[in-house]
Structure formats: structure tokens, C-alpha cells
Amino acid sequence: MKCKIARKTTVSAEDLDNYETNAELSLYREYRDVIKLFKYVVETERRFYLANKVDFKACSSGQDVYFDVRLTDAWVWDVYRPSRFVKNVRIVTFKDVNVEEVQQTDIDIPERLE
């Protein structure tokens, strides 16, 4: 019976940069492949979503105004999520939310990044 000896490995700053760059490029490619499946683009201060249904409500609580946004059949732009497809998303924020309808004729995303 053989035993494996655990070794310490060091990761350089360059290795981390390369890993992050590759993860972001992979995310971009996934976005390019899935955008045609969705009707809306939703942008918040913290996240970017694609969705097929958006319910948007501006609510007030005293002097404060907040937004309650519910997405159905969504995709989340988040490099660290293991699964970016989400059935339902609820966003509650005091910041602006931008909701745009995807114009299928306007989608012209290059297959390759130069």
C-alpha cells in the first residue's frame, strides 16, 4: 500500500491573475451563448441578470423609496457561482435598477475576442 505525501504548493500572483482572467473569459463566452434565450437584461449596482420575466415595483416606506424586482427564469452574471441559471430571483434595493428588453436583432456578439 502506497501513501501519498501532501505537498505545499505556492500560487503566484500571476497564477491567480491567469485563473481569474480565464474564469471571466469563460463567463463571457457563456453569456454570449445564452443571451439569445432571454427577453430582458436587468442591471443593479451589484449584479447583472438576464431574465424572461421581470416584475418591477417601486415601493415607499415613509420617506424612503426602494425597488422590489422579481425575475423568473434568470441567468446571473457572477464568475464565482457554480450554477448561474436560477428559476426565481428577488432583488430588493434602494439603488437604481435598469431593466431593458433584449432586442434580438441587436445581438451581434463576436465569436472570438481579439
C-alpha atoms as a PDB file:
ATOM      1  CA  MET A   1       0.000   0.000   0.000  1.00  0.00           C
ATOM      2  CA  LYS A   2       1.427   3.369  -1.038  1.00  0.00           C
ATOM      3  CA  CYS A   3       0.767   6.627   0.756  1.00  0.00           C
ATOM      4  CA  LYS A   4       0.697   9.985  -0.916  1.00  0.00           C
ATOM      5  CA  ILE A   5       2.631  12.722   0.745  1.00  0.00           C
ATOM      6  CA  ALA A   6       0.872  16.051   0.835  1.00  0.00           C
ATOM      7  CA  ARG A   7       2.984  18.847  -0.530  1.00  0.00           C
ATOM      8  CA  LYS A   8       2.578  22.511  -0.025  1.00  0.00           C
ATOM      9  CA  THR A   9       2.124  24.321  -3.268  1.00  0.00           C
ATOM     10  CA  THR A  10       2.518  28.002  -3.666  1.00  0.00           C
ATOM     11  CA  VAL A  11       0.423  30.008  -6.032  1.00  0.00           C
ATOM     12  CA  SER A  12       1.898  33.125  -7.524  1.00  0.00           C
ATOM     13  CA  ALA A  13       0.061  36.368  -8.111  1.00  0.00           C
ATOM     14  CA  GLU A  14       0.410  35.690 -11.841  1.00  0.00           C
ATOM     15  CA  ASP A  15      -1.262  32.276 -11.428  1.00  0.00           C
ATOM     16  CA  LEU A  16      -4.162  33.922  -9.603  1.00  0.00           C
ATOM     17  CA  ASP A  17      -4.473  36.602 -12.281  1.00  0.00           C
ATOM     18  CA  ASN A  18      -4.480  33.956 -15.014  1.00  0.00           C
ATOM     19  CA  TYR A  19      -7.118  31.920 -13.176  1.00  0.00           C
ATOM     20  CA  GLU A  20      -9.362  34.963 -12.764  1.00  0.00           C
ATOM     21  CA  THR A  21      -8.862  36.050 -16.374  1.00  0.00           C
ATOM     22  CA  ASN A  22      -9.768  32.562 -17.642  1.00  0.00           C
ATOM     23  CA  ALA A  23     -12.852  32.433 -15.382  1.00  0.00           C
ATOM     24  CA  GLU A  24     -14.042  35.831 -16.672  1.00  0.00           C
ATOM     25  CA  LEU A  25     -13.444  34.811 -20.287  1.00  0.00           C
ATOM     26  CA  SER A  26     -15.412  31.606 -19.704  1.00  0.00           C
ATOM     27  CA  LEU A  27     -18.251  33.649 -18.186  1.00  0.00           C
ATOM     28  CA  TYR A  28     -18.283  35.996 -21.181  1.00  0.00           C
ATOM     29  CA  ARG A  29     -18.463  33.037 -23.549  1.00  0.00           C
ATOM     30  CA  GLU A  30     -21.366  31.576 -21.574  1.00  0.00           C
ATOM     31  CA  TYR A  31     -23.136  34.964 -21.706  1.00  0.00           C
ATOM     32  CA  ARG A  32     -22.610  35.118 -25.458  1.00  0.00           C
ATOM     33  CA  ASP A  33     -24.152  31.655 -25.802  1.00  0.00           C
ATOM     34  CA  VAL A  34     -27.204  32.241 -23.576  1.00  0.00           C
ATOM     35  CA  ILE A  35     -28.268  35.852 -24.229  1.00  0.00           C
ATOM     36  CA  LYS A  36     -30.495  34.820 -27.130  1.00  0.00           C
ATOM     37  CA  LEU A  37     -32.555  32.677 -24.721  1.00  0.00           C
ATOM     38  CA  PHE A  38     -33.724  35.686 -22.676  1.00  0.00           C
ATOM     39  CA  LYS A  39     -36.072  38.655 -23.105  1.00  0.00           C
ATOM     40  CA  TYR A  40     -34.702  41.126 -20.545  1.00  0.00           C
ATOM     41  CA  VAL A  41     -31.423  42.488 -19.264  1.00  0.00           C
ATOM     42  CA  VAL A  42     -31.521  43.652 -15.634  1.00  0.00           C
ATOM     43  CA  GLU A  43     -28.669  45.641 -14.154  1.00  0.00           C
ATOM     44  CA  THR A  44     -28.316  46.523 -10.486  1.00  0.00           C
ATOM     45  CA  GLU A  45     -25.483  48.085  -8.532  1.00  0.00           C
ATOM     46  CA  ARG A  46     -24.169  44.631  -7.583  1.00  0.00           C
ATOM     47  CA  ARG A  47     -25.251  42.217 -10.335  1.00  0.00           C
ATOM     48  CA  PHE A  48     -26.192  41.767 -13.968  1.00  0.00           C
ATOM     49  CA  TYR A  49     -29.016  39.394 -14.912  1.00  0.00           C
ATOM     50  CA  LEU A  50     -30.754  38.014 -17.957  1.00  0.00           C
ATOM     51  CA  ALA A  51     -34.395  37.002 -17.460  1.00  0.00           C
ATOM     52  CA  ASN A  52     -37.533  36.001 -19.321  1.00  0.00           C
ATOM     53  CA  LYS A  53     -39.976  37.670 -16.927  1.00  0.00           C
ATOM     54  CA  VAL A  54     -39.496  40.794 -14.797  1.00  0.00           C
ATOM     55  CA  ASP A  55     -41.898  42.192 -12.203  1.00  0.00           C
ATOM     56  CA  PHE A  56     -40.704  45.641 -11.110  1.00  0.00           C
ATOM     57  CA  LYS A  57     -42.254  47.622  -8.258  1.00  0.00           C
ATOM     58  CA  ALA A  58     -41.189  50.919  -6.745  1.00  0.00           C
ATOM     59  CA  CYS A  59     -42.239  50.887  -3.085  1.00  0.00           C
ATOM     60  CA  SER A  60     -42.149  53.510  -0.369  1.00  0.00           C
ATOM     61  CA  SER A  61     -41.610  53.210   3.327  1.00  0.00           C
ATOM     62  CA  GLY A  62     -42.001  56.597   4.938  1.00  0.00           C
ATOM     63  CA  GLN A  63     -39.639  58.940   3.097  1.00  0.00           C
ATOM     64  CA  ASP A  64     -37.574  56.096   1.609  1.00  0.00           C
ATOM     65  CA  VAL A  65     -38.176  54.561  -1.804  1.00  0.00           C
ATOM     66  CA  TYR A  66     -36.933  51.094  -2.646  1.00  0.00           C
ATOM     67  CA  PHE A  67     -37.304  48.726  -5.565  1.00  0.00           C
ATOM     68  CA  ASP A  68     -38.661  45.194  -5.371  1.00  0.00           C
ATOM     69  CA  VAL A  69     -37.756  43.293  -8.536  1.00  0.00           C
ATOM     70  CA  ARG A  70     -38.659  39.675  -9.172  1.00  0.00           C
ATOM     71  CA  LEU A  71     -37.119  37.722 -12.022  1.00  0.00           C
ATOM     72  CA  THR A  72     -38.293  34.406 -13.415  1.00  0.00           C
ATOM     73  CA  ASP A  73     -36.130  32.075 -15.479  1.00  0.00           C
ATOM     74  CA  ALA A  74     -32.914  34.025 -14.953  1.00  0.00           C
ATOM     75  CA  TRP A  75     -29.190  33.834 -15.580  1.00  0.00           C
ATOM     76  CA  VAL A  76     -26.786  35.638 -13.211  1.00  0.00           C
ATOM     77  CA  TRP A  77     -23.501  37.226 -14.293  1.00  0.00           C
ATOM     78  CA  ASP A  78     -21.349  36.003 -11.405  1.00  0.00           C
ATOM     79  CA  VAL A  79     -17.999  34.394 -12.065  1.00  0.00           C
ATOM     80  CA  TYR A  80     -17.994  32.594  -8.704  1.00  0.00           C
ATOM     81  CA  ARG A  81     -21.448  30.947  -8.854  1.00  0.00           C
ATOM     82  CA  PRO A  82     -21.283  27.246  -9.680  1.00  0.00           C
ATOM     83  CA  SER A  83     -24.717  27.437 -11.337  1.00  0.00           C
ATOM     84  CA  ARG A  84     -25.777  30.679 -12.977  1.00  0.00           C
ATOM     85  CA  PHE A  85     -29.255  29.567 -14.080  1.00  0.00           C
ATOM     86  CA  VAL A  86     -31.856  30.453 -11.444  1.00  0.00           C
ATOM     87  CA  LYS A  87     -35.604  29.787 -11.542  1.00  0.00           C
ATOM     88  CA  ASN A  88     -36.607  32.778  -9.362  1.00  0.00           C
ATOM     89  CA  VAL A  89     -34.679  35.808  -8.133  1.00  0.00           C
ATOM     90  CA  ARG A  90     -35.840  38.576  -5.828  1.00  0.00           C
ATOM     91  CA  ILE A  91     -33.903  41.825  -5.680  1.00  0.00           C
ATOM     92  CA  VAL A  92     -34.671  44.467  -3.049  1.00  0.00           C
ATOM     93  CA  THR A  93     -32.546  47.597  -3.345  1.00  0.00           C
ATOM     94  CA  PHE A  94     -32.506  51.310  -2.626  1.00  0.00           C
ATOM     95  CA  LYS A  95     -30.313  51.885  -5.675  1.00  0.00           C
ATOM     96  CA  ASP A  96     -31.446  52.246  -9.269  1.00  0.00           C
ATOM     97  CA  VAL A  97     -32.349  49.185 -11.296  1.00  0.00           C
ATOM     98  CA  ASN A  98     -32.075  49.249 -15.072  1.00  0.00           C
ATOM     99  CA  VAL A  99     -34.409  46.914 -16.992  1.00  0.00           C
ATOM    100  CA  GLU A 100     -34.153  46.696 -20.769  1.00  0.00           C
ATOM    101  CA  GLU A 101     -35.816  44.445 -23.280  1.00  0.00           C
ATOM    102  CA  VAL A 102     -33.303  42.496 -25.330  1.00  0.00           C
ATOM    103  CA  GLN A 103     -33.587  43.363 -28.994  1.00  0.00           C
ATOM    104  CA  GLN A 104     -32.768  40.094 -30.727  1.00  0.00           C
ATOM    105  CA  THR A 105     -31.825  41.932 -33.911  1.00  0.00           C
ATOM    106  CA  ASP A 106     -29.248  43.996 -31.996  1.00  0.00           C
ATOM    107  CA  ILE A 107     -27.366  40.986 -30.661  1.00  0.00           C
ATOM    108  CA  ASP A 108     -24.147  40.800 -32.598  1.00  0.00           C
ATOM    109  CA  ILE A 109     -21.573  39.367 -30.246  1.00  0.00           C
ATOM    110  CA  PRO A 110     -18.251  38.359 -31.760  1.00  0.00           C
ATOM    111  CA  GLU A 111     -17.400  34.674 -31.536  1.00  0.00           C
ATOM    112  CA  ARG A 112     -13.753  35.487 -30.780  1.00  0.00           C
ATOM    113  CA  LEU A 113     -12.176  38.154 -28.704  1.00  0.00           C
ATOM    114  CA  GLU A 114      -9.219  39.746 -30.409  1.00  0.00           C
END
